[in-house]
């Protein structure tokens, strides 16, 4: 297990003991009311850290407006202008996302560090394959994993030279193998908390697939303290996808669905039933494995480790718990009967 230097973000501690789900607002920064509404929706969906772009001084007013309405930490996404970082600190931000190397000379970096240190605000160094330094691109020929790590550690050194170590690092790439390799290399070179993500992952379908492979592989390795599933879609969908990734590797809470792919023995509309079960249970916090199986012949046996489940019959279904049959129900009552039993658990 990788040792992680504890870094506090608001009321959370990134120390490797829990993986936190993060997302980002996609409402134009000037629309304060809509930004606040989206931040609240993300928190309700299960987001644990939310980030907002602060492209100009006028956008700084987002910070108090959002923080008055949510309980989770808020991160300011800053590019180039060190004054925005300082203003965000003064406005009560919980974390700054910035690249120390692109905000000017060391005097400006020191001013940002001083503002963060005075308020115990950590800095996330965000390296991206699409914005790698020109000299590294020339040296490596492309944004390779090694180049990304070199960039990140160069930014880390800038902060460490300022005697600042409340650091979180992300090194995102839109290429999944590069992203995985880069984080593995970085994990060997530092013990700062790491924020995982596949950048520009795409629309919902492909974005979830790429994120599951990239983020999931690293989490199984014991690498990563916070995660974001980046989707070209409603950011609330990012939260549900992140939850599912954590569930799939045994690190998330809530209902886990086990369902079979169906075959010629299936006599009920299992595909529709499985989707309904998934939708109906996605807000349930109980740590349960729920099985939706196509037939009684081997359904109960294959899903014997499930806490509760349902297996299709000839126009009916069988409810079972811990591998033991409970009772039969009609196909039309299968969903409600299953939910009733889950409610009792």
C-alpha atoms as a PDB file:
ATOM      1  CA  UNK A   1       0.000   0.000   0.000  1.00  0.00           C
ATOM      2  CA  UNK A   2       1.377   3.406  -0.999  1.00  0.00           C
ATOM      3  CA  UNK A   3       2.041   5.811   1.860  1.00  0.00           C
ATOM      4  CA  UNK A   4       0.212   9.105   1.359  1.00  0.00           C
ATOM      5  CA  UNK A   5       1.174  12.358   3.054  1.00  0.00           C
ATOM      6  CA  UNK A   6      -2.045  13.667   4.670  1.00  0.00           C
ATOM      7  CA  UNK A   7      -3.349  16.890   3.127  1.00  0.00           C
ATOM      8  CA  UNK A   8      -6.508  18.599   4.409  1.00  0.00           C
ATOM      9  CA  UNK A   9      -9.050  20.015   1.964  1.00  0.00           C
ATOM     10  CA  UNK A  10     -11.728  21.856   3.891  1.00  0.00           C
ATOM     11  CA  UNK A  11     -13.171  19.331   6.333  1.00  0.00           C
ATOM     12  CA  UNK A  12     -11.695  16.343   4.483  1.00  0.00           C
ATOM     13  CA  UNK A  13      -8.319  14.675   4.856  1.00  0.00           C
ATOM     14  CA  UNK A  14      -6.658  13.115   1.819  1.00  0.00           C
ATOM     15  CA  UNK A  15      -4.637  10.378   3.499  1.00  0.00           C
ATOM     16  CA  UNK A  16      -5.351   7.264   1.456  1.00  0.00           C
ATOM     17  CA  UNK A  17      -7.942   5.875   3.841  1.00  0.00           C
ATOM     18  CA  UNK A  18     -10.900   6.967   1.682  1.00  0.00           C
ATOM     19  CA  UNK A  19     -11.264   7.806  -1.992  1.00  0.00           C
ATOM     20  CA  UNK A  20     -13.185  11.023  -2.579  1.00  0.00           C
ATOM     21  CA  UNK A  21     -15.382  11.743  -5.605  1.00  0.00           C
ATOM     22  CA  UNK A  22     -14.894  15.060  -7.342  1.00  0.00           C
ATOM     23  CA  UNK A  23     -16.595  16.930 -10.189  1.00  0.00           C
ATOM     24  CA  UNK A  24     -16.568  20.369 -11.780  1.00  0.00           C
ATOM     25  CA  UNK A  25     -19.238  22.937 -12.566  1.00  0.00           C
ATOM     26  CA  UNK A  26     -19.882  23.449 -16.283  1.00  0.00           C
ATOM     27  CA  UNK A  27     -22.079  26.527 -15.962  1.00  0.00           C
ATOM     28  CA  UNK A  28     -20.563  29.795 -17.300  1.00  0.00           C
ATOM     29  CA  UNK A  29     -18.834  31.519 -14.377  1.00  0.00           C
ATOM     30  CA  UNK A  30     -20.887  34.696 -14.732  1.00  0.00           C
ATOM     31  CA  UNK A  31     -24.103  32.773 -14.018  1.00  0.00           C
ATOM     32  CA  UNK A  32     -23.836  32.713 -10.237  1.00  0.00           C
ATOM     33  CA  UNK A  33     -27.347  31.486  -9.420  1.00  0.00           C
ATOM     34  CA  UNK A  34     -27.116  28.604 -11.895  1.00  0.00           C
ATOM     35  CA  UNK A  35     -23.641  27.706 -10.614  1.00  0.00           C
ATOM     36  CA  UNK A  36     -24.914  27.533  -7.050  1.00  0.00           C
ATOM     37  CA  UNK A  37     -27.835  25.348  -8.147  1.00  0.00           C
ATOM     38  CA  UNK A  38     -25.532  22.929  -9.938  1.00  0.00           C
ATOM     39  CA  UNK A  39     -23.141  22.744  -6.968  1.00  0.00           C
ATOM     40  CA  UNK A  40     -26.067  21.817  -4.720  1.00  0.00           C
ATOM     41  CA  UNK A  41     -27.236  19.151  -7.207  1.00  0.00           C
ATOM     42  CA  UNK A  42     -23.745  17.652  -7.326  1.00  0.00           C
ATOM     43  CA  UNK A  43     -23.546  17.477  -3.546  1.00  0.00           C
ATOM     44  CA  UNK A  44     -26.944  15.772  -3.353  1.00  0.00           C
ATOM     45  CA  UNK A  45     -25.794  13.220  -5.945  1.00  0.00           C
ATOM     46  CA  UNK A  46     -22.772  12.299  -3.808  1.00  0.00           C
ATOM     47  CA  UNK A  47     -20.033  14.669  -4.958  1.00  0.00           C
ATOM     48  CA  UNK A  48     -17.517  15.173  -2.148  1.00  0.00           C
ATOM     49  CA  UNK A  49     -15.298  17.890  -3.655  1.00  0.00           C
ATOM     50  CA  UNK A  50     -16.491  20.362  -6.294  1.00  0.00           C
ATOM     51  CA  UNK A  51     -14.365  22.580  -8.530  1.00  0.00           C
ATOM     52  CA  UNK A  52     -15.276  25.842 -10.252  1.00  0.00           C
ATOM     53  CA  UNK A  53     -13.390  27.752 -12.926  1.00  0.00           C
ATOM     54  CA  UNK A  54     -12.342  31.252 -11.868  1.00  0.00           C
ATOM     55  CA  UNK A  55     -11.408  32.888 -15.193  1.00  0.00           C
ATOM     56  CA  UNK A  56     -11.495  36.495 -14.004  1.00  0.00           C
ATOM     57  CA  UNK A  57     -11.916  38.692 -10.939  1.00  0.00           C
ATOM     58  CA  UNK A  58     -15.662  38.951 -11.402  1.00  0.00           C
ATOM     59  CA  UNK A  59     -15.901  35.166 -11.082  1.00  0.00           C
ATOM     60  CA  UNK A  60     -14.417  35.277  -7.556  1.00  0.00           C
ATOM     61  CA  UNK A  61     -17.880  36.186  -6.273  1.00  0.00           C
ATOM     62  CA  UNK A  62     -18.875  32.609  -7.095  1.00  0.00           C
ATOM     63  CA  UNK A  63     -16.870  31.382  -4.123  1.00  0.00           C
ATOM     64  CA  UNK A  64     -18.873  32.834  -1.183  1.00  0.00           C
ATOM     65  CA  UNK A  65     -22.145  32.299  -3.065  1.00  0.00           C
ATOM     66  CA  UNK A  66     -21.451  28.587  -3.532  1.00  0.00           C
ATOM     67  CA  UNK A  67     -19.911  28.015  -0.101  1.00  0.00           C
ATOM     68  CA  UNK A  68     -22.996  29.445   1.584  1.00  0.00           C
ATOM     69  CA  UNK A  69     -25.088  26.693   0.020  1.00  0.00           C
ATOM     70  CA  UNK A  70     -22.951  23.533   0.178  1.00  0.00           C
ATOM     71  CA  UNK A  71     -21.111  21.613   2.881  1.00  0.00           C
ATOM     72  CA  UNK A  72     -18.413  20.029   0.709  1.00  0.00           C
ATOM     73  CA  UNK A  73     -15.035  21.632  -0.126  1.00  0.00           C
ATOM     74  CA  UNK A  74     -14.816  24.020  -3.080  1.00  0.00           C
ATOM     75  CA  UNK A  75     -11.776  24.188  -5.382  1.00  0.00           C
ATOM     76  CA  UNK A  76     -10.835  27.182  -7.534  1.00  0.00           C
ATOM     77  CA  UNK A  77      -9.490  26.361 -10.990  1.00  0.00           C
ATOM     78  CA  UNK A  78      -6.925  29.056 -11.826  1.00  0.00           C
ATOM     79  CA  UNK A  79      -4.911  29.572 -15.003  1.00  0.00           C
ATOM     80  CA  UNK A  80      -2.017  32.006 -15.452  1.00  0.00           C
ATOM     81  CA  UNK A  81      -3.153  34.922 -13.247  1.00  0.00           C
ATOM     82  CA  UNK A  82      -1.664  34.661  -9.757  1.00  0.00           C
ATOM     83  CA  UNK A  83      -3.933  37.475  -8.551  1.00  0.00           C
ATOM     84  CA  UNK A  84      -6.980  35.262  -9.078  1.00  0.00           C
ATOM     85  CA  UNK A  85      -5.451  32.635  -6.798  1.00  0.00           C
ATOM     86  CA  UNK A  86      -4.835  35.201  -4.062  1.00  0.00           C
ATOM     87  CA  UNK A  87      -8.350  36.627  -4.424  1.00  0.00           C
ATOM     88  CA  UNK A  88      -9.825  33.116  -4.240  1.00  0.00           C
ATOM     89  CA  UNK A  89      -7.933  32.500  -1.008  1.00  0.00           C
ATOM     90  CA  UNK A  90      -9.266  35.728   0.446  1.00  0.00           C
ATOM     91  CA  UNK A  91     -12.803  34.734  -0.622  1.00  0.00           C
ATOM     92  CA  UNK A  92     -12.645  31.483   1.387  1.00  0.00           C
ATOM     93  CA  UNK A  93     -11.756  28.809  -1.161  1.00  0.00           C
ATOM     94  CA  UNK A  94     -10.780  25.368   0.186  1.00  0.00           C
ATOM     95  CA  UNK A  95      -8.177  24.443  -2.455  1.00  0.00           C
ATOM     96  CA  UNK A  96      -6.432  26.053  -5.399  1.00  0.00           C
ATOM     97  CA  UNK A  97      -5.772  24.215  -8.677  1.00  0.00           C
ATOM     98  CA  UNK A  98      -2.884  25.898 -10.460  1.00  0.00           C
ATOM     99  CA  UNK A  99       0.418  25.266 -12.230  1.00  0.00           C
ATOM    100  CA  UNK A 100       3.141  27.205 -10.376  1.00  0.00           C
ATOM    101  CA  UNK A 101       5.230  27.260 -13.559  1.00  0.00           C
ATOM    102  CA  UNK A 102       2.730  29.243 -15.637  1.00  0.00           C
ATOM    103  CA  UNK A 103       1.874  32.132 -13.317  1.00  0.00           C
ATOM    104  CA  UNK A 104       5.109  34.081 -13.672  1.00  0.00           C
ATOM    105  CA  UNK A 105       8.271  34.606 -11.648  1.00  0.00           C
ATOM    106  CA  UNK A 106       9.050  33.236  -8.178  1.00  0.00           C
ATOM    107  CA  UNK A 107       7.828  36.417  -6.501  1.00  0.00           C
ATOM    108  CA  UNK A 108       4.316  35.718  -7.801  1.00  0.00           C
ATOM    109  CA  UNK A 109       4.521  32.062  -6.776  1.00  0.00           C
ATOM    110  CA  UNK A 110       5.614  33.119  -3.293  1.00  0.00           C
ATOM    111  CA  UNK A 111       2.639  35.477  -3.019  1.00  0.00           C
ATOM    112  CA  UNK A 112       0.242  32.645  -3.859  1.00  0.00           C
ATOM    113  CA  UNK A 113       1.991  30.285  -1.450  1.00  0.00           C
ATOM    114  CA  UNK A 114       1.877  32.914   1.291  1.00  0.00           C
ATOM    115  CA  UNK A 115      -1.876  33.402   0.782  1.00  0.00           C
ATOM    116  CA  UNK A 116      -2.476  29.638   0.881  1.00  0.00           C
ATOM    117  CA  UNK A 117      -0.224  29.024   3.881  1.00  0.00           C
ATOM    118  CA  UNK A 118      -1.914  31.742   5.922  1.00  0.00           C
ATOM    119  CA  UNK A 119      -5.274  30.019   5.496  1.00  0.00           C
ATOM    120  CA  UNK A 120      -4.175  26.343   5.374  1.00  0.00           C
ATOM    121  CA  UNK A 121      -5.277  26.052   1.753  1.00  0.00           C
ATOM    122  CA  UNK A 122      -3.637  23.255  -0.295  1.00  0.00           C
ATOM    123  CA  UNK A 123      -2.550  23.612  -3.903  1.00  0.00           C
ATOM    124  CA  UNK A 124      -3.318  21.038  -6.582  1.00  0.00           C
ATOM    125  CA  UNK A 125      -0.740  20.930  -9.321  1.00  0.00           C
ATOM    126  CA  UNK A 126      -2.613  20.057 -12.486  1.00  0.00           C
ATOM    127  CA  UNK A 127      -0.497  18.783 -15.376  1.00  0.00           C
ATOM    128  CA  UNK A 128      -2.289  18.009 -18.636  1.00  0.00           C
ATOM    129  CA  UNK A 129      -1.003  16.265 -21.738  1.00  0.00           C
ATOM    130  CA  UNK A 130      -2.496  19.010 -23.884  1.00  0.00           C
ATOM    131  CA  UNK A 131      -0.638  21.838 -22.155  1.00  0.00           C
ATOM    132  CA  UNK A 132       2.807  20.371 -21.510  1.00  0.00           C
ATOM    133  CA  UNK A 133       5.769  22.774 -21.481  1.00  0.00           C
ATOM    134  CA  UNK A 134       7.342  23.355 -24.900  1.00  0.00           C
ATOM    135  CA  UNK A 135      10.822  22.293 -23.774  1.00  0.00           C
ATOM    136  CA  UNK A 136       9.513  18.935 -22.536  1.00  0.00           C
ATOM    137  CA  UNK A 137       7.599  18.356 -25.765  1.00  0.00           C
ATOM    138  CA  UNK A 138      10.782  19.039 -27.710  1.00  0.00           C
ATOM    139  CA  UNK A 139      12.789  16.681 -25.495  1.00  0.00           C
ATOM    140  CA  UNK A 140      10.309  13.790 -25.463  1.00  0.00           C
ATOM    141  CA  UNK A 141       8.674  14.358 -28.832  1.00  0.00           C
ATOM    142  CA  UNK A 142       5.140  14.021 -27.429  1.00  0.00           C
ATOM    143  CA  UNK A 143       3.322  14.201 -24.061  1.00  0.00           C
ATOM    144  CA  UNK A 144       4.647  10.848 -22.846  1.00  0.00           C
ATOM    145  CA  UNK A 145       4.125   9.504 -19.340  1.00  0.00           C
ATOM    146  CA  UNK A 146       7.735  10.356 -18.488  1.00  0.00           C
ATOM    147  CA  UNK A 147       7.275  13.926 -19.735  1.00  0.00           C
ATOM    148  CA  UNK A 148       4.120  14.388 -17.661  1.00  0.00           C
ATOM    149  CA  UNK A 149       5.895  13.192 -14.525  1.00  0.00           C
ATOM    150  CA  UNK A 150       8.889  15.448 -15.219  1.00  0.00           C
ATOM    151  CA  UNK A 151       6.527  18.387 -15.543  1.00  0.00           C
ATOM    152  CA  UNK A 152       4.651  17.560 -12.337  1.00  0.00           C
ATOM    153  CA  UNK A 153       7.793  17.071 -10.277  1.00  0.00           C
ATOM    154  CA  UNK A 154       9.189  20.334 -11.642  1.00  0.00           C
ATOM    155  CA  UNK A 155       6.117  22.165 -10.372  1.00  0.00           C
ATOM    156  CA  UNK A 156       6.383  20.325  -7.057  1.00  0.00           C
ATOM    157  CA  UNK A 157       9.961  21.525  -6.651  1.00  0.00           C
ATOM    158  CA  UNK A 158       8.841  25.135  -7.155  1.00  0.00           C
ATOM    159  CA  UNK A 159       6.441  24.811  -4.223  1.00  0.00           C
ATOM    160  CA  UNK A 160       8.872  22.840  -2.077  1.00  0.00           C
ATOM    161  CA  UNK A 161      11.481  25.552  -2.665  1.00  0.00           C
ATOM    162  CA  UNK A 162       8.939  27.902  -1.096  1.00  0.00           C
ATOM    163  CA  UNK A 163       8.751  25.529   1.904  1.00  0.00           C
ATOM    164  CA  UNK A 164       5.183  24.521   0.947  1.00  0.00           C
ATOM    165  CA  UNK A 165       4.088  20.892   1.026  1.00  0.00           C
ATOM    166  CA  UNK A 166       0.278  20.960   1.203  1.00  0.00           C
ATOM    167  CA  UNK A 167       0.262  19.612  -2.322  1.00  0.00           C
ATOM    168  CA  UNK A 168      -2.069  17.420  -4.386  1.00  0.00           C
ATOM    169  CA  UNK A 169      -1.048  16.333  -7.900  1.00  0.00           C
ATOM    170  CA  UNK A 170      -2.887  15.331 -11.061  1.00  0.00           C
ATOM    171  CA  UNK A 171      -1.266  14.348 -14.368  1.00  0.00           C
ATOM    172  CA  UNK A 172      -4.097  13.754 -16.804  1.00  0.00           C
ATOM    173  CA  UNK A 173      -3.975  12.493 -20.355  1.00  0.00           C
ATOM    174  CA  UNK A 174      -6.738  11.655 -22.824  1.00  0.00           C
ATOM    175  CA  UNK A 175      -4.771   8.503 -23.707  1.00  0.00           C
ATOM    176  CA  UNK A 176      -5.591   5.827 -21.144  1.00  0.00           C
ATOM    177  CA  UNK A 177      -2.319   3.795 -21.258  1.00  0.00           C
ATOM    178  CA  UNK A 178      -0.307   7.031 -20.946  1.00  0.00           C
ATOM    179  CA  UNK A 179      -2.421   8.167 -18.014  1.00  0.00           C
ATOM    180  CA  UNK A 180      -2.005   4.846 -16.186  1.00  0.00           C
ATOM    181  CA  UNK A 181       1.748   4.716 -16.778  1.00  0.00           C
ATOM    182  CA  UNK A 182       2.231   8.331 -15.726  1.00  0.00           C
ATOM    183  CA  UNK A 183       0.442   7.916 -12.394  1.00  0.00           C
ATOM    184  CA  UNK A 184       2.329   4.702 -11.644  1.00  0.00           C
ATOM    185  CA  UNK A 185       5.646   6.471 -12.282  1.00  0.00           C
ATOM    186  CA  UNK A 186       4.559   9.463 -10.206  1.00  0.00           C
ATOM    187  CA  UNK A 187       3.459   7.255  -7.298  1.00  0.00           C
ATOM    188  CA  UNK A 188       7.014   5.893  -7.143  1.00  0.00           C
ATOM    189  CA  UNK A 189       8.534   9.357  -6.954  1.00  0.00           C
ATOM    190  CA  UNK A 190       6.407  11.145  -4.361  1.00  0.00           C
ATOM    191  CA  UNK A 191       3.986  10.557  -1.507  1.00  0.00           C
ATOM    192  CA  UNK A 192       1.638  13.488  -2.115  1.00  0.00           C
ATOM    193  CA  UNK A 193      -2.090  12.731  -2.590  1.00  0.00           C
ATOM    194  CA  UNK A 194      -2.979  12.065  -6.217  1.00  0.00           C
ATOM    195  CA  UNK A 195      -6.128  13.156  -8.046  1.00  0.00           C
ATOM    196  CA  UNK A 196      -7.002  10.666 -10.794  1.00  0.00           C
ATOM    197  CA  UNK A 197      -8.755  11.273 -14.075  1.00  0.00           C
ATOM    198  CA  UNK A 198      -8.709  10.699 -17.811  1.00  0.00           C
ATOM    199  CA  UNK A 199      -8.982  14.166 -19.313  1.00  0.00           C
ATOM    200  CA  UNK A 200     -11.179  14.860 -22.334  1.00  0.00           C
ATOM    201  CA  UNK A 201     -12.529  11.326 -21.932  1.00  0.00           C
ATOM    202  CA  UNK A 202     -15.482  11.991 -24.228  1.00  0.00           C
ATOM    203  CA  UNK A 203     -19.256  11.681 -24.128  1.00  0.00           C
ATOM    204  CA  UNK A 204     -21.067   9.529 -21.571  1.00  0.00           C
ATOM    205  CA  UNK A 205     -20.546   6.070 -23.097  1.00  0.00           C
ATOM    206  CA  UNK A 206     -16.890   6.228 -24.072  1.00  0.00           C
ATOM    207  CA  UNK A 207     -15.986   8.602 -21.267  1.00  0.00           C
ATOM    208  CA  UNK A 208     -17.179   6.150 -18.647  1.00  0.00           C
ATOM    209  CA  UNK A 209     -15.378   3.250 -20.326  1.00  0.00           C
ATOM    210  CA  UNK A 210     -12.070   5.117 -20.543  1.00  0.00           C
ATOM    211  CA  UNK A 211     -12.393   6.433 -16.989  1.00  0.00           C
ATOM    212  CA  UNK A 212     -13.274   3.014 -15.594  1.00  0.00           C
ATOM    213  CA  UNK A 213     -10.193   1.463 -17.204  1.00  0.00           C
ATOM    214  CA  UNK A 214      -7.804   4.266 -16.272  1.00  0.00           C
ATOM    215  CA  UNK A 215      -9.055   5.203 -12.812  1.00  0.00           C
ATOM    216  CA  UNK A 216     -10.019   1.639 -11.874  1.00  0.00           C
ATOM    217  CA  UNK A 217      -6.638   0.180 -12.790  1.00  0.00           C
ATOM    218  CA  UNK A 218      -4.827   2.676 -10.577  1.00  0.00           C
ATOM    219  CA  UNK A 219      -7.198   2.328  -7.644  1.00  0.00           C
ATOM    220  CA  UNK A 220      -6.701  -1.449  -7.713  1.00  0.00           C
ATOM    221  CA  UNK A 221      -2.955  -0.698  -7.492  1.00  0.00           C
ATOM    222  CA  UNK A 222      -3.603   1.375  -4.351  1.00  0.00           C
ATOM    223  CA  UNK A 223      -2.927   4.651  -6.191  1.00  0.00           C
ATOM    224  CA  UNK A 224      -5.252   7.643  -5.902  1.00  0.00           C
ATOM    225  CA  UNK A 225      -6.982   9.666  -3.201  1.00  0.00           C
ATOM    226  CA  UNK A 226      -9.542  11.616  -5.254  1.00  0.00           C
ATOM    227  CA  UNK A 227     -11.147  10.818  -8.619  1.00  0.00           C
ATOM    228  CA  UNK A 228     -13.081  12.582 -11.349  1.00  0.00           C
ATOM    229  CA  UNK A 229     -14.870  10.945 -14.250  1.00  0.00           C
ATOM    230  CA  UNK A 230     -14.711  13.665 -16.928  1.00  0.00           C
ATOM    231  CA  UNK A 231     -17.720  13.527 -19.249  1.00  0.00           C
ATOM    232  CA  UNK A 232     -19.010  15.790 -21.998  1.00  0.00           C
ATOM    233  CA  UNK A 233     -22.398  15.686 -20.304  1.00  0.00           C
ATOM    234  CA  UNK A 234     -24.257  16.670 -17.159  1.00  0.00           C
ATOM    235  CA  UNK A 235     -21.648  16.518 -14.355  1.00  0.00           C
ATOM    236  CA  UNK A 236     -24.160  14.723 -12.108  1.00  0.00           C
ATOM    237  CA  UNK A 237     -23.586  11.714 -14.379  1.00  0.00           C
ATOM    238  CA  UNK A 238     -19.896  11.918 -13.436  1.00  0.00           C
ATOM    239  CA  UNK A 239     -20.817  11.300  -9.808  1.00  0.00           C
ATOM    240  CA  UNK A 240     -22.885   8.192 -10.514  1.00  0.00           C
ATOM    241  CA  UNK A 241     -20.159   6.825 -12.802  1.00  0.00           C
ATOM    242  CA  UNK A 242     -17.498   7.432 -10.139  1.00  0.00           C
ATOM    243  CA  UNK A 243     -19.638   5.676  -7.546  1.00  0.00           C
ATOM    244  CA  UNK A 244     -20.027   2.688  -9.855  1.00  0.00           C
ATOM    245  CA  UNK A 245     -16.273   2.503 -10.447  1.00  0.00           C
ATOM    246  CA  UNK A 246     -15.671   2.462  -6.693  1.00  0.00           C
ATOM    247  CA  UNK A 247     -18.364  -0.181  -6.168  1.00  0.00           C
ATOM    248  CA  UNK A 248     -16.885  -2.393  -8.887  1.00  0.00           C
ATOM    249  CA  UNK A 249     -13.550  -2.604  -7.066  1.00  0.00           C
ATOM    250  CA  UNK A 250     -15.040  -3.003  -3.604  1.00  0.00           C
ATOM    251  CA  UNK A 251     -14.255   0.526  -2.398  1.00  0.00           C
ATOM    252  CA  UNK A 252     -17.651   2.173  -2.718  1.00  0.00           C
ATOM    253  CA  UNK A 253     -20.809   2.021  -0.631  1.00  0.00           C
ATOM    254  CA  UNK A 254     -24.338   1.425  -1.828  1.00  0.00           C
ATOM    255  CA  UNK A 255     -26.137  -1.277  -3.788  1.00  0.00           C
ATOM    256  CA  UNK A 256     -24.063  -3.384  -6.188  1.00  0.00           C
ATOM    257  CA  UNK A 257     -25.988  -5.040  -9.013  1.00  0.00           C
ATOM    258  CA  UNK A 258     -25.135  -8.520 -10.296  1.00  0.00           C
ATOM    259  CA  UNK A 259     -27.073  -9.566 -13.399  1.00  0.00           C
ATOM    260  CA  UNK A 260     -26.643 -12.238 -16.045  1.00  0.00           C
ATOM    261  CA  UNK A 261     -26.399 -11.520 -19.807  1.00  0.00           C
ATOM    262  CA  UNK A 262     -29.487 -13.707 -20.506  1.00  0.00           C
ATOM    263  CA  UNK A 263     -29.657 -16.795 -22.704  1.00  0.00           C
ATOM    264  CA  UNK A 264     -32.210 -19.120 -24.313  1.00  0.00           C
ATOM    265  CA  UNK A 265     -33.468 -20.240 -20.886  1.00  0.00           C
ATOM    266  CA  UNK A 266     -34.669 -16.729 -19.988  1.00  0.00           C
ATOM    267  CA  UNK A 267     -38.467 -16.554 -19.900  1.00  0.00           C
ATOM    268  CA  UNK A 268     -38.986 -13.022 -18.525  1.00  0.00           C
ATOM    269  CA  UNK A 269     -37.981  -9.542 -19.737  1.00  0.00           C
ATOM    270  CA  UNK A 270     -34.778  -9.593 -17.692  1.00  0.00           C
ATOM    271  CA  UNK A 271     -33.039  -6.737 -19.483  1.00  0.00           C
ATOM    272  CA  UNK A 272     -35.852  -4.340 -18.648  1.00  0.00           C
ATOM    273  CA  UNK A 273     -36.097  -5.668 -15.085  1.00  0.00           C
ATOM    274  CA  UNK A 274     -32.356  -5.297 -14.449  1.00  0.00           C
ATOM    275  CA  UNK A 275     -32.407  -1.682 -15.658  1.00  0.00           C
ATOM    276  CA  UNK A 276     -35.380  -0.896 -13.421  1.00  0.00           C
ATOM    277  CA  UNK A 277     -33.663  -2.479 -10.403  1.00  0.00           C
ATOM    278  CA  UNK A 278     -30.502  -0.507 -11.096  1.00  0.00           C
ATOM    279  CA  UNK A 279     -32.403   2.783 -11.360  1.00  0.00           C
ATOM    280  CA  UNK A 280     -34.571   2.100  -8.306  1.00  0.00           C
ATOM    281  CA  UNK A 281     -31.613   1.230  -6.060  1.00  0.00           C
ATOM    282  CA  UNK A 282     -28.999   3.800  -7.114  1.00  0.00           C
ATOM    283  CA  UNK A 283     -29.882   6.144  -4.230  1.00  0.00           C
ATOM    284  CA  UNK A 284     -29.914   3.398  -1.554  1.00  0.00           C
ATOM    285  CA  UNK A 285     -26.941   3.680   0.821  1.00  0.00           C
ATOM    286  CA  UNK A 286     -27.115   0.109   2.142  1.00  0.00           C
ATOM    287  CA  UNK A 287     -24.063  -2.018   1.306  1.00  0.00           C
ATOM    288  CA  UNK A 288     -25.924  -4.802  -0.471  1.00  0.00           C
ATOM    289  CA  UNK A 289     -25.254  -7.000  -3.478  1.00  0.00           C
ATOM    290  CA  UNK A 290     -28.498  -7.462  -5.414  1.00  0.00           C
ATOM    291  CA  UNK A 291     -28.723 -10.115  -8.131  1.00  0.00           C
ATOM    292  CA  UNK A 292     -31.048 -10.094 -11.128  1.00  0.00           C
ATOM    293  CA  UNK A 293     -30.765 -13.469 -12.861  1.00  0.00           C
ATOM    294  CA  UNK A 294     -32.447 -14.955 -15.915  1.00  0.00           C
ATOM    295  CA  UNK A 295     -33.423 -18.418 -14.741  1.00  0.00           C
ATOM    296  CA  UNK A 296     -33.849 -20.573 -11.690  1.00  0.00           C
ATOM    297  CA  UNK A 297     -31.762 -23.400 -13.153  1.00  0.00           C
ATOM    298  CA  UNK A 298     -28.444 -21.822 -12.233  1.00  0.00           C
ATOM    299  CA  UNK A 299     -29.411 -18.258 -11.356  1.00  0.00           C
ATOM    300  CA  UNK A 300     -29.515 -18.762  -7.605  1.00  0.00           C
ATOM    301  CA  UNK A 301     -26.358 -20.831  -7.659  1.00  0.00           C
ATOM    302  CA  UNK A 302     -24.343 -18.330  -9.711  1.00  0.00           C
ATOM    303  CA  UNK A 303     -25.555 -15.477  -7.528  1.00  0.00           C
ATOM    304  CA  UNK A 304     -25.267 -17.388  -4.269  1.00  0.00           C
ATOM    305  CA  UNK A 305     -23.001 -14.718  -2.779  1.00  0.00           C
ATOM    306  CA  UNK A 306     -25.595 -11.989  -3.315  1.00  0.00           C
ATOM    307  CA  UNK A 307     -27.411 -10.652  -0.260  1.00  0.00           C
ATOM    308  CA  UNK A 308     -30.720 -10.796  -2.095  1.00  0.00           C
ATOM    309  CA  UNK A 309     -31.865 -11.412  -5.629  1.00  0.00           C
ATOM    310  CA  UNK A 310     -34.474 -12.440  -8.092  1.00  0.00           C
ATOM    311  CA  UNK A 311     -34.368 -15.185 -10.713  1.00  0.00           C
ATOM    312  CA  UNK A 312     -36.724 -15.489 -13.658  1.00  0.00           C
ATOM    313  CA  UNK A 313     -39.040 -18.427 -14.193  1.00  0.00           C
ATOM    314  CA  UNK A 314     -41.662 -19.232 -16.831  1.00  0.00           C
ATOM    315  CA  UNK A 315     -43.602 -15.968 -16.684  1.00  0.00           C
ATOM    316  CA  UNK A 316     -42.825 -15.576 -12.988  1.00  0.00           C
ATOM    317  CA  UNK A 317     -39.824 -15.013 -10.762  1.00  0.00           C
ATOM    318  CA  UNK A 318     -38.280 -16.371  -7.591  1.00  0.00           C
ATOM    319  CA  UNK A 319     -36.944 -14.180  -4.774  1.00  0.00           C
ATOM    320  CA  UNK A 320     -33.922 -15.535  -2.920  1.00  0.00           C
ATOM    321  CA  UNK A 321     -31.730 -14.367  -0.076  1.00  0.00           C
ATOM    322  CA  UNK A 322     -28.178 -15.550   0.641  1.00  0.00           C
ATOM    323  CA  UNK A 323     -28.588 -18.355  -1.906  1.00  0.00           C
ATOM    324  CA  UNK A 324     -31.835 -19.671  -0.407  1.00  0.00           C
ATOM    325  CA  UNK A 325     -35.237 -19.478  -2.112  1.00  0.00           C
ATOM    326  CA  UNK A 326     -37.816 -17.244  -0.413  1.00  0.00           C
ATOM    327  CA  UNK A 327     -40.991 -17.257  -2.528  1.00  0.00           C
ATOM    328  CA  UNK A 328     -42.414 -16.918  -6.055  1.00  0.00           C
ATOM    329  CA  UNK A 329     -43.853 -13.710  -7.465  1.00  0.00           C
ATOM    330  CA  UNK A 330     -45.463 -12.793 -10.772  1.00  0.00           C
ATOM    331  CA  UNK A 331     -43.287 -11.056 -13.356  1.00  0.00           C
ATOM    332  CA  UNK A 332     -45.227  -7.800 -13.036  1.00  0.00           C
ATOM    333  CA  UNK A 333     -44.740  -7.775  -9.230  1.00  0.00           C
ATOM    334  CA  UNK A 334     -41.091  -8.825  -9.284  1.00  0.00           C
ATOM    335  CA  UNK A 335     -39.621  -5.322  -8.950  1.00  0.00           C
ATOM    336  CA  UNK A 336     -41.889  -4.148  -6.132  1.00  0.00           C
ATOM    337  CA  UNK A 337     -41.425  -7.411  -4.210  1.00  0.00           C
ATOM    338  CA  UNK A 338     -37.637  -7.149  -4.488  1.00  0.00           C
ATOM    339  CA  UNK A 339     -37.651  -3.497  -3.360  1.00  0.00           C
ATOM    340  CA  UNK A 340     -39.904  -4.357  -0.412  1.00  0.00           C
ATOM    341  CA  UNK A 341     -37.446  -7.026   0.729  1.00  0.00           C
ATOM    342  CA  UNK A 342     -34.502  -4.663   0.303  1.00  0.00           C
ATOM    343  CA  UNK A 343     -36.334  -2.075   2.388  1.00  0.00           C
ATOM    344  CA  UNK A 344     -36.594  -4.622   5.257  1.00  0.00           C
ATOM    345  CA  UNK A 345     -32.846  -5.322   5.246  1.00  0.00           C
END
